[in-house]
Amino acid sequence: MRAVVFENYQTFPELKDVEKPVPGPGEVLLKVAGAGACHSDVAIFQDFTEGAPGAQRPEFTLGHENSGWIEELGPGVEGLNKGDAYLVYGPIGCQHCRACSRGQDTYCENAATMPYMGVGLGRDGGMAEYVRVPARNLVPLGDADPVAAASLSDAGLTPYHAIKLALPHLNGGGKYALVIGLGGLGLLGVQILKALTGATVIATDMKPEAMAEAERLGAVTVPGGEGQIDRIREITGGRGVDAAFDFVGVAPTVKTAMESTARQGRCTIVGIAGGSYDWSFFTAPYEVELTSTYWGTIEELYEVVDLFNAGQLEPMYTTYPMDRALEAYQALVDGKISGRAVVVPHS
């Protein structure tokens, strides 16, 4: 079968012929419907070096954002039907620590001893015609389109988890939320905020087309650049937003998020671009929570699918056939993707 393979650090991936995987005990083989191309993949093959935090040892098939139909059941798997469509919860922890027992493999207490972080993260992923995954990591899609849903496993789950944790700051009337970065995660973040809260959503980006999409989804937009923070504070009557979500994570966006947050607000850094922030008691708003999150729980992915099936989430994506999968990654590197690029191996 064909697969997009990460072969070495700081080396662009290759489209190769590899062996079709065989599901082991407790696993299933999925015929991949859609595989989302994520900036985390770019970090894997472009930014990381051996031994760096987050680096995964090559080689393996990329793709941690997957959907598909059950093709084959591994030994011991019962209660699942061939041909049914599922979304894949990507993280894989030890499955016996406290974090894994609550479905939060992202915070596995034994992560340092695991040979990989998840599907497509050290272990062969779904940027291929077929992928094997633990049956426990499947979330049913019902009659939903698995191609449209593919990006929800990360681009939907990650903002959902961050926003859900911030809900106490957004309860009540007259609340404001800020979304910085309107890529695949940010645009879904706007929709999740609209679905879960009554807050006014302010969205900002450097791309006019991304802001136009955010406006269509109900956000008030502010262009990036000079005067950005002043404009955000003007919309909020001068006090700042109750919850800010930075889906980029470079130093300037972290600074914008913090300087736009009201006293006793919450500022969540979701993007993993490695930016730093110079905190000071006298410049940071009093009692602001500056925090980070990573992905989410499998239970929350069920909730994301519920929102999708209820018509409250509309992923923005562009499909690519498998023979153009490398073009999808190049477009991602070049910043030419709006929303998500989803590779469709069996189109």
C-alpha atoms as a PDB file:
ATOM      1  CA  MET A   1       0.000   0.000   0.000  1.00  0.00           C
ATOM      2  CA  ARG A   2       1.061   3.635  -0.370  1.00  0.00           C
ATOM      3  CA  ALA A   3       1.977   5.741   2.654  1.00  0.00           C
ATOM      4  CA  VAL A   4       3.608   9.071   3.510  1.00  0.00           C
ATOM      5  CA  VAL A   5       6.700   8.114   5.496  1.00  0.00           C
ATOM      6  CA  PHE A   6       8.850  10.237   7.795  1.00  0.00           C
ATOM      7  CA  GLU A   7      12.335   8.845   7.058  1.00  0.00           C
ATOM      8  CA  ASN A   8      14.714  11.181   8.854  1.00  0.00           C
ATOM      9  CA  TYR A   9      14.904  14.393  10.869  1.00  0.00           C
ATOM     10  CA  GLN A  10      14.795  17.678   8.938  1.00  0.00           C
ATOM     11  CA  THR A  11      13.958  15.756   5.768  1.00  0.00           C
ATOM     12  CA  PHE A  12      10.763  16.099   3.738  1.00  0.00           C
ATOM     13  CA  PRO A  13       8.655  12.899   3.905  1.00  0.00           C
ATOM     14  CA  GLU A  14       8.414  10.381   1.060  1.00  0.00           C
ATOM     15  CA  LEU A  15       5.417   8.730  -0.609  1.00  0.00           C
ATOM     16  CA  LYS A  16       6.362   5.045  -0.562  1.00  0.00           C
ATOM     17  CA  ASP A  17       5.018   1.531  -1.005  1.00  0.00           C
ATOM     18  CA  VAL A  18       4.943  -0.234   2.375  1.00  0.00           C
ATOM     19  CA  GLU A  19       3.487  -3.436   3.757  1.00  0.00           C
ATOM     20  CA  LYS A  20      -0.230  -3.395   4.531  1.00  0.00           C
ATOM     21  CA  PRO A  21      -0.510  -3.597   8.346  1.00  0.00           C
ATOM     22  CA  VAL A  22      -2.039  -6.559  10.171  1.00  0.00           C
ATOM     23  CA  PRO A  23      -4.092  -5.847  13.315  1.00  0.00           C
ATOM     24  CA  GLY A  24      -2.780  -7.460  16.487  1.00  0.00           C
ATOM     25  CA  PRO A  25      -4.714  -8.471  19.614  1.00  0.00           C
ATOM     26  CA  GLY A  26      -7.150  -5.751  20.626  1.00  0.00           C
ATOM     27  CA  GLU A  27      -6.612  -3.837  17.386  1.00  0.00           C
ATOM     28  CA  VAL A  28      -8.551  -3.161  14.207  1.00  0.00           C
ATOM     29  CA  LEU A  29      -7.471  -2.403  10.655  1.00  0.00           C
ATOM     30  CA  LEU A  30      -9.095   0.713   9.234  1.00  0.00           C
ATOM     31  CA  LYS A  31      -9.492   1.523   5.566  1.00  0.00           C
ATOM     32  CA  VAL A  32      -8.545   5.187   5.794  1.00  0.00           C
ATOM     33  CA  ALA A  33     -11.281   7.610   4.735  1.00  0.00           C
ATOM     34  CA  GLY A  34      -9.406  10.814   5.538  1.00  0.00           C
ATOM     35  CA  ALA A  35      -6.103  11.820   7.124  1.00  0.00           C
ATOM     36  CA  GLY A  36      -5.518  15.419   8.176  1.00  0.00           C
ATOM     37  CA  ALA A  37      -2.173  17.103   7.582  1.00  0.00           C
ATOM     38  CA  CYS A  38      -1.193  19.005  10.718  1.00  0.00           C
ATOM     39  CA  HIS A  39       1.533  21.500  11.609  1.00  0.00           C
ATOM     40  CA  SER A  40       2.674  18.982  14.230  1.00  0.00           C
ATOM     41  CA  ASP A  41       3.638  16.704  11.334  1.00  0.00           C
ATOM     42  CA  VAL A  42       5.707  19.524   9.867  1.00  0.00           C
ATOM     43  CA  ALA A  43       7.480  19.917  13.199  1.00  0.00           C
ATOM     44  CA  ILE A  44       8.251  16.185  13.198  1.00  0.00           C
ATOM     45  CA  PHE A  45      10.021  16.179   9.835  1.00  0.00           C
ATOM     46  CA  GLN A  46      11.221  19.780   9.587  1.00  0.00           C
ATOM     47  CA  ASP A  47      11.981  21.171  13.044  1.00  0.00           C
ATOM     48  CA  PHE A  48      12.906  18.398  15.447  1.00  0.00           C
ATOM     49  CA  THR A  49      16.325  16.807  15.840  1.00  0.00           C
ATOM     50  CA  GLU A  50      17.162  13.546  17.561  1.00  0.00           C
ATOM     51  CA  GLY A  51      16.648  13.791  21.317  1.00  0.00           C
ATOM     52  CA  ALA A  52      14.761  17.079  21.214  1.00  0.00           C
ATOM     53  CA  PRO A  53      11.593  17.322  23.350  1.00  0.00           C
ATOM     54  CA  GLY A  54       8.698  15.899  21.340  1.00  0.00           C
ATOM     55  CA  ALA A  55      10.926  14.324  18.677  1.00  0.00           C
ATOM     56  CA  GLN A  56       9.826  10.882  17.461  1.00  0.00           C
ATOM     57  CA  ARG A  57      12.362   8.384  16.160  1.00  0.00           C
ATOM     58  CA  PRO A  58      12.062   7.614  12.404  1.00  0.00           C
ATOM     59  CA  GLU A  59      10.928   5.950  10.391  1.00  0.00           C
ATOM     60  CA  PHE A  60       7.142   5.685  10.506  1.00  0.00           C
ATOM     61  CA  THR A  61       4.039   6.660   8.559  1.00  0.00           C
ATOM     62  CA  LEU A  62       2.717  10.127   9.395  1.00  0.00           C
ATOM     63  CA  GLY A  63      -0.915  10.997  10.141  1.00  0.00           C
ATOM     64  CA  HIS A  64      -2.358  11.402  13.659  1.00  0.00           C
ATOM     65  CA  GLU A  65      -5.717  12.827  12.565  1.00  0.00           C
ATOM     66  CA  ASN A  66      -7.664   9.962  11.012  1.00  0.00           C
ATOM     67  CA  SER A  67     -11.030   8.494  10.141  1.00  0.00           C
ATOM     68  CA  GLY A  68     -11.952   5.304   8.334  1.00  0.00           C
ATOM     69  CA  TRP A  69     -14.036   2.172   7.979  1.00  0.00           C
ATOM     70  CA  ILE A  70     -13.293  -1.072   9.809  1.00  0.00           C
ATOM     71  CA  GLU A  71     -11.666  -3.463   7.359  1.00  0.00           C
ATOM     72  CA  GLU A  72     -10.541  -6.220   9.719  1.00  0.00           C
ATOM     73  CA  LEU A  73     -10.840  -7.132  13.406  1.00  0.00           C
ATOM     74  CA  GLY A  74      -7.804  -8.305  15.321  1.00  0.00           C
ATOM     75  CA  PRO A  75      -7.838 -11.214  17.778  1.00  0.00           C
ATOM     76  CA  GLY A  76     -10.100 -10.655  20.779  1.00  0.00           C
ATOM     77  CA  VAL A  77     -12.000  -7.689  19.312  1.00  0.00           C
ATOM     78  CA  GLU A  78     -15.759  -8.012  19.673  1.00  0.00           C
ATOM     79  CA  GLY A  79     -18.748  -5.693  19.408  1.00  0.00           C
ATOM     80  CA  LEU A  80     -17.510  -3.823  16.343  1.00  0.00           C
ATOM     81  CA  ASN A  81     -18.756  -4.282  12.796  1.00  0.00           C
ATOM     82  CA  LYS A  82     -16.780  -4.317   9.591  1.00  0.00           C
ATOM     83  CA  GLY A  83     -17.627  -1.393   7.332  1.00  0.00           C
ATOM     84  CA  ASP A  84     -18.690   0.972  10.125  1.00  0.00           C
ATOM     85  CA  ALA A  85     -17.104   4.442  10.159  1.00  0.00           C
ATOM     86  CA  TYR A  86     -14.983   5.662  13.071  1.00  0.00           C
ATOM     87  CA  LEU A  87     -12.831   8.563  14.150  1.00  0.00           C
ATOM     88  CA  VAL A  88      -9.475   7.663  15.690  1.00  0.00           C
ATOM     89  CA  TYR A  89      -8.371   9.029  19.068  1.00  0.00           C
ATOM     90  CA  GLY A  90      -4.683   9.488  18.282  1.00  0.00           C
ATOM     91  CA  PRO A  91      -2.838   9.458  21.640  1.00  0.00           C
ATOM     92  CA  ILE A  92      -1.777   6.092  23.040  1.00  0.00           C
ATOM     93  CA  GLY A  93      -0.555   5.907  26.623  1.00  0.00           C
ATOM     94  CA  CYS A  94       0.250   2.980  28.889  1.00  0.00           C
ATOM     95  CA  GLN A  95      -3.520   2.493  29.458  1.00  0.00           C
ATOM     96  CA  HIS A  96      -3.113   1.634  33.143  1.00  0.00           C
ATOM     97  CA  CYS A  97      -2.037   4.869  34.900  1.00  0.00           C
ATOM     98  CA  ARG A  98      -4.479   7.380  36.383  1.00  0.00           C
ATOM     99  CA  ALA A  99      -4.447   9.677  33.339  1.00  0.00           C
ATOM    100  CA  CYS A 100      -5.015   6.854  30.859  1.00  0.00           C
ATOM    101  CA  SER A 101      -7.780   5.378  33.028  1.00  0.00           C
ATOM    102  CA  ARG A 102      -9.763   8.592  32.573  1.00  0.00           C
ATOM    103  CA  GLY A 103      -9.133   8.537  28.813  1.00  0.00           C
ATOM    104  CA  GLN A 104      -6.450  11.222  28.837  1.00  0.00           C
ATOM    105  CA  ASP A 105      -3.549   9.383  27.224  1.00  0.00           C
ATOM    106  CA  THR A 106      -1.957  12.749  26.396  1.00  0.00           C
ATOM    107  CA  TYR A 107      -0.912  13.067  30.041  1.00  0.00           C
ATOM    108  CA  CYS A 108       0.156   9.433  30.519  1.00  0.00           C
ATOM    109  CA  GLU A 109       2.272   9.133  33.662  1.00  0.00           C
ATOM    110  CA  ASN A 110       4.491   6.566  31.931  1.00  0.00           C
ATOM    111  CA  ALA A 111       4.964   8.438  28.658  1.00  0.00           C
ATOM    112  CA  ALA A 112       8.759   8.379  29.031  1.00  0.00           C
ATOM    113  CA  THR A 113       8.746   4.585  28.865  1.00  0.00           C
ATOM    114  CA  MET A 114       6.426   4.343  25.847  1.00  0.00           C
ATOM    115  CA  PRO A 115       7.936   3.632  22.409  1.00  0.00           C
ATOM    116  CA  TYR A 116       5.664   6.227  20.779  1.00  0.00           C
ATOM    117  CA  MET A 117       3.177   8.998  21.607  1.00  0.00           C
ATOM    118  CA  GLY A 118       0.346   7.779  19.443  1.00  0.00           C
ATOM    119  CA  VAL A 119      -0.961   6.898  16.003  1.00  0.00           C
ATOM    120  CA  GLY A 120       1.204   8.836  13.556  1.00  0.00           C
ATOM    121  CA  LEU A 121       3.457  10.028  16.383  1.00  0.00           C
ATOM    122  CA  GLY A 122       6.217   7.443  16.531  1.00  0.00           C
ATOM    123  CA  ARG A 123       3.840   4.655  15.522  1.00  0.00           C
ATOM    124  CA  ASP A 124       2.581   4.188  11.960  1.00  0.00           C
ATOM    125  CA  GLY A 125      -0.268   6.598  11.303  1.00  0.00           C
ATOM    126  CA  GLY A 126      -3.090   7.085   8.868  1.00  0.00           C
ATOM    127  CA  MET A 127      -1.450   9.003   6.031  1.00  0.00           C
ATOM    128  CA  ALA A 128      -1.789   5.721   4.164  1.00  0.00           C
ATOM    129  CA  GLU A 129      -4.369   3.458   2.589  1.00  0.00           C
ATOM    130  CA  TYR A 130      -4.782   1.444   5.809  1.00  0.00           C
ATOM    131  CA  VAL A 131      -3.889   1.928   9.463  1.00  0.00           C
ATOM    132  CA  ARG A 132      -4.051  -0.339  12.505  1.00  0.00           C
ATOM    133  CA  VAL A 133      -5.276   1.182  15.756  1.00  0.00           C
ATOM    134  CA  PRO A 134      -6.331  -0.044  19.204  1.00  0.00           C
ATOM    135  CA  ALA A 135     -10.051  -0.815  19.182  1.00  0.00           C
ATOM    136  CA  ARG A 136     -10.316   1.220  22.388  1.00  0.00           C
ATOM    137  CA  ASN A 137      -9.289   4.348  20.422  1.00  0.00           C
ATOM    138  CA  LEU A 138     -12.266   4.277  18.042  1.00  0.00           C
ATOM    139  CA  VAL A 139     -15.093   6.810  18.314  1.00  0.00           C
ATOM    140  CA  PRO A 140     -18.176   5.921  16.231  1.00  0.00           C
ATOM    141  CA  LEU A 141     -19.293   8.378  13.547  1.00  0.00           C
ATOM    142  CA  GLY A 142     -22.648   6.788  12.734  1.00  0.00           C
ATOM    143  CA  ASP A 143     -23.902   8.133   9.420  1.00  0.00           C
ATOM    144  CA  ALA A 144     -21.586  11.161   9.428  1.00  0.00           C
ATOM    145  CA  ASP A 145     -19.211  11.698   6.511  1.00  0.00           C
ATOM    146  CA  PRO A 146     -15.845  10.362   7.731  1.00  0.00           C
ATOM    147  CA  VAL A 147     -13.885  12.546   5.294  1.00  0.00           C
ATOM    148  CA  ALA A 148     -15.501  15.729   6.617  1.00  0.00           C
ATOM    149  CA  ALA A 149     -15.003  14.498  10.195  1.00  0.00           C
ATOM    150  CA  ALA A 150     -11.354  13.426   9.871  1.00  0.00           C
ATOM    151  CA  SER A 151      -9.812  16.652  11.165  1.00  0.00           C
ATOM    152  CA  LEU A 152     -11.993  16.626  14.283  1.00  0.00           C
ATOM    153  CA  SER A 153      -9.719  14.081  15.959  1.00  0.00           C
ATOM    154  CA  ASP A 154      -7.153  16.839  16.570  1.00  0.00           C
ATOM    155  CA  ALA A 155      -8.293  20.155  15.074  1.00  0.00           C
ATOM    156  CA  GLY A 156     -11.664  19.689  16.795  1.00  0.00           C
ATOM    157  CA  LEU A 157     -10.627  17.939  19.997  1.00  0.00           C
ATOM    158  CA  THR A 158      -7.739  20.251  20.901  1.00  0.00           C
ATOM    159  CA  PRO A 159      -9.740  23.517  20.948  1.00  0.00           C
ATOM    160  CA  TYR A 160     -12.715  21.739  22.535  1.00  0.00           C
ATOM    161  CA  HIS A 161     -10.591  20.602  25.486  1.00  0.00           C
ATOM    162  CA  ALA A 162      -9.043  24.064  25.938  1.00  0.00           C
ATOM    163  CA  ILE A 163     -12.405  25.840  25.728  1.00  0.00           C
ATOM    164  CA  LYS A 164     -14.151  23.381  28.046  1.00  0.00           C
ATOM    165  CA  LEU A 165     -11.564  24.054  30.754  1.00  0.00           C
ATOM    166  CA  ALA A 166     -12.135  27.803  30.355  1.00  0.00           C
ATOM    167  CA  LEU A 167     -15.947  27.675  30.579  1.00  0.00           C
ATOM    168  CA  PRO A 168     -16.105  29.011  34.190  1.00  0.00           C
ATOM    169  CA  HIS A 169     -14.638  32.269  32.859  1.00  0.00           C
ATOM    170  CA  LEU A 170     -17.255  32.484  30.098  1.00  0.00           C
ATOM    171  CA  ASN A 171     -20.408  31.694  32.072  1.00  0.00           C
ATOM    172  CA  GLY A 172     -22.878  34.545  32.312  1.00  0.00           C
ATOM    173  CA  GLY A 173     -23.747  37.563  30.211  1.00  0.00           C
ATOM    174  CA  GLY A 174     -21.415  40.153  28.717  1.00  0.00           C
ATOM    175  CA  LYS A 175     -18.466  37.778  28.308  1.00  0.00           C
ATOM    176  CA  TYR A 176     -15.771  37.989  25.623  1.00  0.00           C
ATOM    177  CA  ALA A 177     -13.503  35.311  24.153  1.00  0.00           C
ATOM    178  CA  LEU A 178     -10.492  35.862  21.898  1.00  0.00           C
ATOM    179  CA  VAL A 179      -9.257  33.433  19.229  1.00  0.00           C
ATOM    180  CA  ILE A 180      -5.767  34.128  17.853  1.00  0.00           C
ATOM    181  CA  GLY A 181      -4.868  32.193  14.682  1.00  0.00           C
ATOM    182  CA  LEU A 182      -7.593  31.091  12.281  1.00  0.00           C
ATOM    183  CA  GLY A 183      -6.224  27.901  10.817  1.00  0.00           C
ATOM    184  CA  GLY A 184      -7.857  24.498  11.190  1.00  0.00           C
ATOM    185  CA  LEU A 185      -7.967  24.665  14.999  1.00  0.00           C
ATOM    186  CA  GLY A 186      -8.845  28.338  15.321  1.00  0.00           C
ATOM    187  CA  LEU A 187     -11.842  28.237  12.981  1.00  0.00           C
ATOM    188  CA  LEU A 188     -13.222  25.224  14.806  1.00  0.00           C
ATOM    189  CA  GLY A 189     -12.469  27.036  18.069  1.00  0.00           C
ATOM    190  CA  VAL A 190     -14.727  29.902  16.956  1.00  0.00           C
ATOM    191  CA  GLN A 191     -17.536  27.427  16.279  1.00  0.00           C
ATOM    192  CA  ILE A 192     -17.058  25.590  19.582  1.00  0.00           C
ATOM    193  CA  LEU A 193     -17.194  28.872  21.500  1.00  0.00           C
ATOM    194  CA  LYS A 194     -20.407  29.799  19.691  1.00  0.00           C
ATOM    195  CA  ALA A 195     -21.885  26.374  20.467  1.00  0.00           C
ATOM    196  CA  LEU A 196     -20.917  26.194  24.155  1.00  0.00           C
ATOM    197  CA  THR A 197     -21.100  29.813  25.318  1.00  0.00           C
ATOM    198  CA  GLY A 198     -22.981  33.057  24.844  1.00  0.00           C
ATOM    199  CA  ALA A 199     -19.742  35.032  24.717  1.00  0.00           C
ATOM    200  CA  THR A 200     -18.904  37.527  22.005  1.00  0.00           C
ATOM    201  CA  VAL A 201     -16.104  35.858  20.029  1.00  0.00           C
ATOM    202  CA  ILE A 202     -13.297  38.094  18.770  1.00  0.00           C
ATOM    203  CA  ALA A 203     -11.057  36.493  16.146  1.00  0.00           C
ATOM    204  CA  THR A 204      -7.754  37.735  14.754  1.00  0.00           C
ATOM    205  CA  ASP A 205      -5.355  36.634  12.027  1.00  0.00           C
ATOM    206  CA  MET A 206      -3.098  38.079   9.351  1.00  0.00           C
ATOM    207  CA  LYS A 207      -5.027  36.438   6.491  1.00  0.00           C
ATOM    208  CA  PRO A 208      -8.098  38.353   5.243  1.00  0.00           C
ATOM    209  CA  GLU A 209      -9.707  35.172   3.878  1.00  0.00           C
ATOM    210  CA  ALA A 210      -9.401  33.464   7.273  1.00  0.00           C
ATOM    211  CA  MET A 211     -11.006  36.437   9.019  1.00  0.00           C
ATOM    212  CA  ALA A 212     -13.798  36.496   6.435  1.00  0.00           C
ATOM    213  CA  GLU A 213     -14.527  32.858   7.278  1.00  0.00           C
ATOM    214  CA  ALA A 214     -14.511  33.661  11.007  1.00  0.00           C
ATOM    215  CA  GLU A 215     -16.983  36.497  10.394  1.00  0.00           C
ATOM    216  CA  ARG A 216     -19.245  34.085   8.509  1.00  0.00           C
ATOM    217  CA  LEU A 217     -19.153  31.849  11.575  1.00  0.00           C
ATOM    218  CA  GLY A 218     -20.283  34.692  13.834  1.00  0.00           C
ATOM    219  CA  ALA A 219     -17.048  36.224  15.137  1.00  0.00           C
ATOM    220  CA  VAL A 220     -16.055  39.872  15.353  1.00  0.00           C
ATOM    221  CA  THR A 221     -12.688  40.174  13.616  1.00  0.00           C
ATOM    222  CA  VAL A 222      -9.617  42.302  14.243  1.00  0.00           C
ATOM    223  CA  PRO A 223      -6.697  42.265  11.789  1.00  0.00           C
ATOM    224  CA  GLY A 224      -3.247  41.489  13.126  1.00  0.00           C
ATOM    225  CA  GLY A 225      -0.579  44.170  13.268  1.00  0.00           C
ATOM    226  CA  GLU A 226      -0.409  47.685  14.667  1.00  0.00           C
ATOM    227  CA  GLY A 227      -3.268  48.653  16.944  1.00  0.00           C
ATOM    228  CA  GLN A 228      -4.483  45.063  17.322  1.00  0.00           C
ATOM    229  CA  ILE A 229      -4.562  44.994  21.132  1.00  0.00           C
ATOM    230  CA  ASP A 230      -6.109  48.476  21.369  1.00  0.00           C
ATOM    231  CA  ARG A 231      -8.889  47.411  19.002  1.00  0.00           C
ATOM    232  CA  ILE A 232      -9.588  44.222  20.986  1.00  0.00           C
ATOM    233  CA  ARG A 233      -9.807  46.184  24.233  1.00  0.00           C
ATOM    234  CA  GLU A 234     -12.025  48.784  22.568  1.00  0.00           C
ATOM    235  CA  ILE A 235     -14.529  46.064  21.616  1.00  0.00           C
ATOM    236  CA  THR A 236     -14.622  44.881  25.236  1.00  0.00           C
ATOM    237  CA  GLY A 237     -15.179  48.359  26.654  1.00  0.00           C
ATOM    238  CA  GLY A 238     -11.557  48.625  27.698  1.00  0.00           C
ATOM    239  CA  ARG A 239     -11.395  45.771  30.201  1.00  0.00           C
ATOM    240  CA  GLY A 240     -10.150  42.961  27.935  1.00  0.00           C
ATOM    241  CA  VAL A 241     -11.446  39.468  27.181  1.00  0.00           C
ATOM    242  CA  ASP A 242     -12.496  36.923  29.782  1.00  0.00           C
ATOM    243  CA  ALA A 243     -10.738  34.055  28.002  1.00  0.00           C
ATOM    244  CA  ALA A 244      -8.062  34.160  25.299  1.00  0.00           C
ATOM    245  CA  PHE A 245      -6.980  31.203  23.172  1.00  0.00           C
ATOM    246  CA  ASP A 246      -3.717  31.438  21.256  1.00  0.00           C
ATOM    247  CA  PHE A 247      -3.702  28.803  18.508  1.00  0.00           C
ATOM    248  CA  VAL A 248      -0.289  29.919  17.219  1.00  0.00           C
ATOM    249  CA  GLY A 249       2.057  30.031  20.198  1.00  0.00           C
ATOM    250  CA  VAL A 250       4.869  32.302  18.972  1.00  0.00           C
ATOM    251  CA  ALA A 251       6.138  35.019  21.323  1.00  0.00           C
ATOM    252  CA  PRO A 252       4.196  37.903  19.688  1.00  0.00           C
ATOM    253  CA  THR A 253       0.867  36.026  19.785  1.00  0.00           C
ATOM    254  CA  VAL A 254       1.380  34.978  23.414  1.00  0.00           C
ATOM    255  CA  LYS A 255       2.091  38.627  24.254  1.00  0.00           C
ATOM    256  CA  THR A 256      -1.044  39.719  22.367  1.00  0.00           C
ATOM    257  CA  ALA A 257      -3.150  37.138  24.189  1.00  0.00           C
ATOM    258  CA  MET A 258      -1.909  38.194  27.626  1.00  0.00           C
ATOM    259  CA  GLU A 259      -2.215  41.915  26.960  1.00  0.00           C
ATOM    260  CA  SER A 260      -5.760  41.419  25.681  1.00  0.00           C
ATOM    261  CA  THR A 261      -6.950  39.464  28.742  1.00  0.00           C
ATOM    262  CA  ALA A 262      -8.938  41.097  31.525  1.00  0.00           C
ATOM    263  CA  ARG A 263      -8.047  40.903  35.192  1.00  0.00           C
ATOM    264  CA  GLN A 264      -8.951  37.484  36.616  1.00  0.00           C
ATOM    265  CA  GLY A 265      -9.298  36.124  33.080  1.00  0.00           C
ATOM    266  CA  ARG A 266      -7.772  32.997  31.555  1.00  0.00           C
ATOM    267  CA  CYS A 267      -5.169  32.902  28.777  1.00  0.00           C
ATOM    268  CA  THR A 268      -4.635  29.492  27.169  1.00  0.00           C
ATOM    269  CA  ILE A 269      -1.712  28.796  24.843  1.00  0.00           C
ATOM    270  CA  VAL A 270      -2.780  26.009  22.498  1.00  0.00           C
ATOM    271  CA  GLY A 271      -0.343  26.414  19.599  1.00  0.00           C
ATOM    272  CA  ILE A 272       2.976  24.612  20.037  1.00  0.00           C
ATOM    273  CA  ALA A 273       5.297  27.066  18.268  1.00  0.00           C
ATOM    274  CA  GLY A 274       7.564  27.383  21.307  1.00  0.00           C
ATOM    275  CA  GLY A 275       7.125  31.094  21.988  1.00  0.00           C
ATOM    276  CA  SER A 276       8.057  32.489  25.407  1.00  0.00           C
ATOM    277  CA  TYR A 277       6.517  35.212  27.572  1.00  0.00           C
ATOM    278  CA  ASP A 278       8.321  37.584  29.931  1.00  0.00           C
ATOM    279  CA  TRP A 279       5.997  37.635  32.928  1.00  0.00           C
ATOM    280  CA  SER A 280       6.087  40.489  35.410  1.00  0.00           C
ATOM    281  CA  PHE A 281       3.919  41.113  38.472  1.00  0.00           C
ATOM    282  CA  PHE A 282       3.451  44.725  37.398  1.00  0.00           C
ATOM    283  CA  THR A 283       2.584  44.166  33.728  1.00  0.00           C
ATOM    284  CA  ALA A 284       0.461  40.990  33.717  1.00  0.00           C
ATOM    285  CA  PRO A 285      -3.222  41.610  34.603  1.00  0.00           C
ATOM    286  CA  TYR A 286      -3.896  40.655  38.196  1.00  0.00           C
ATOM    287  CA  GLU A 287      -4.981  37.041  38.816  1.00  0.00           C
ATOM    288  CA  VAL A 288      -4.816  36.085  35.141  1.00  0.00           C
ATOM    289  CA  GLU A 289      -4.396  32.342  34.608  1.00  0.00           C
ATOM    290  CA  LEU A 290      -1.700  31.734  31.988  1.00  0.00           C
ATOM    291  CA  THR A 291      -1.874  28.074  31.038  1.00  0.00           C
ATOM    292  CA  SER A 292      -1.393  25.534  28.276  1.00  0.00           C
ATOM    293  CA  THR A 293      -3.268  22.445  27.121  1.00  0.00           C
ATOM    294  CA  TYR A 294      -2.467  19.495  24.897  1.00  0.00           C
ATOM    295  CA  TRP A 295      -5.042  17.605  22.815  1.00  0.00           C
ATOM    296  CA  GLY A 296      -7.880  16.170  24.979  1.00  0.00           C
ATOM    297  CA  THR A 297      -9.589  13.037  26.283  1.00  0.00           C
ATOM    298  CA  ILE A 298     -11.307  10.293  24.330  1.00  0.00           C
ATOM    299  CA  GLU A 299     -14.550  11.127  26.146  1.00  0.00           C
ATOM    300  CA  GLU A 300     -14.285  14.690  24.855  1.00  0.00           C
ATOM    301  CA  LEU A 301     -13.820  13.364  21.319  1.00  0.00           C
ATOM    302  CA  TYR A 302     -17.213  11.673  21.671  1.00  0.00           C
ATOM    303  CA  GLU A 303     -18.612  15.082  22.619  1.00  0.00           C
ATOM    304  CA  VAL A 304     -16.966  16.708  19.592  1.00  0.00           C
ATOM    305  CA  VAL A 305     -18.588  14.116  17.342  1.00  0.00           C
ATOM    306  CA  ASP A 306     -21.934  14.881  18.999  1.00  0.00           C
ATOM    307  CA  LEU A 307     -21.518  18.562  18.076  1.00  0.00           C
ATOM    308  CA  PHE A 308     -20.604  17.596  14.529  1.00  0.00           C
ATOM    309  CA  ASN A 309     -23.598  15.295  14.150  1.00  0.00           C
ATOM    310  CA  ALA A 310     -25.834  18.050  15.530  1.00  0.00           C
ATOM    311  CA  GLY A 311     -24.647  20.371  12.753  1.00  0.00           C
ATOM    312  CA  GLN A 312     -22.833  22.732  15.131  1.00  0.00           C
ATOM    313  CA  LEU A 313     -19.359  22.146  13.678  1.00  0.00           C
ATOM    314  CA  GLU A 314     -18.427  22.717  10.056  1.00  0.00           C
ATOM    315  CA  PRO A 315     -14.777  21.775   9.425  1.00  0.00           C
ATOM    316  CA  MET A 316     -13.122  23.803   6.665  1.00  0.00           C
ATOM    317  CA  TYR A 317     -10.917  21.503   4.602  1.00  0.00           C
ATOM    318  CA  THR A 318      -9.413  20.792   1.186  1.00  0.00           C
ATOM    319  CA  THR A 319      -9.052  17.200  -0.010  1.00  0.00           C
ATOM    320  CA  TYR A 320      -6.030  15.709  -1.762  1.00  0.00           C
ATOM    321  CA  PRO A 321      -5.765  12.236  -3.341  1.00  0.00           C
ATOM    322  CA  MET A 322      -2.963  10.019  -2.067  1.00  0.00           C
ATOM    323  CA  ASP A 323      -0.748  10.680  -5.094  1.00  0.00           C
ATOM    324  CA  ARG A 324      -0.804  14.394  -4.141  1.00  0.00           C
ATOM    325  CA  ALA A 325      -0.283  13.913  -0.404  1.00  0.00           C
ATOM    326  CA  LEU A 326       3.175  15.475  -0.501  1.00  0.00           C
ATOM    327  CA  GLU A 327       1.665  18.533  -2.196  1.00  0.00           C
ATOM    328  CA  ALA A 328      -0.623  18.884   0.815  1.00  0.00           C
ATOM    329  CA  TYR A 329       2.359  18.947   3.159  1.00  0.00           C
ATOM    330  CA  GLN A 330       4.241  21.406   0.947  1.00  0.00           C
ATOM    331  CA  ALA A 331       1.218  23.716   0.894  1.00  0.00           C
ATOM    332  CA  LEU A 332       1.099  23.453   4.689  1.00  0.00           C
ATOM    333  CA  VAL A 333       4.801  24.352   4.938  1.00  0.00           C
ATOM    334  CA  ASP A 334       4.256  27.300   2.585  1.00  0.00           C
ATOM    335  CA  GLY A 335       1.291  28.615   4.595  1.00  0.00           C
ATOM    336  CA  LYS A 336      -1.123  28.150   1.697  1.00  0.00           C
ATOM    337  CA  ILE A 337      -3.687  25.951   3.465  1.00  0.00           C
ATOM    338  CA  SER A 338      -6.938  27.461   4.699  1.00  0.00           C
ATOM    339  CA  GLY A 339      -8.534  25.263   7.334  1.00  0.00           C
ATOM    340  CA  ARG A 340      -7.230  21.697   7.015  1.00  0.00           C
ATOM    341  CA  ALA A 341      -5.692  19.612   4.243  1.00  0.00           C
ATOM    342  CA  VAL A 342      -7.246  16.129   4.274  1.00  0.00           C
ATOM    343  CA  VAL A 343      -5.678  13.318   2.266  1.00  0.00           C
ATOM    344  CA  VAL A 344      -8.267  10.895   0.862  1.00  0.00           C
ATOM    345  CA  PRO A 345      -6.460   7.657  -0.062  1.00  0.00           C
ATOM    346  CA  HIS A 346      -9.454   5.902  -1.626  1.00  0.00           C
ATOM    347  CA  SER A 347     -11.039   8.765  -3.553  1.00  0.00           C
END
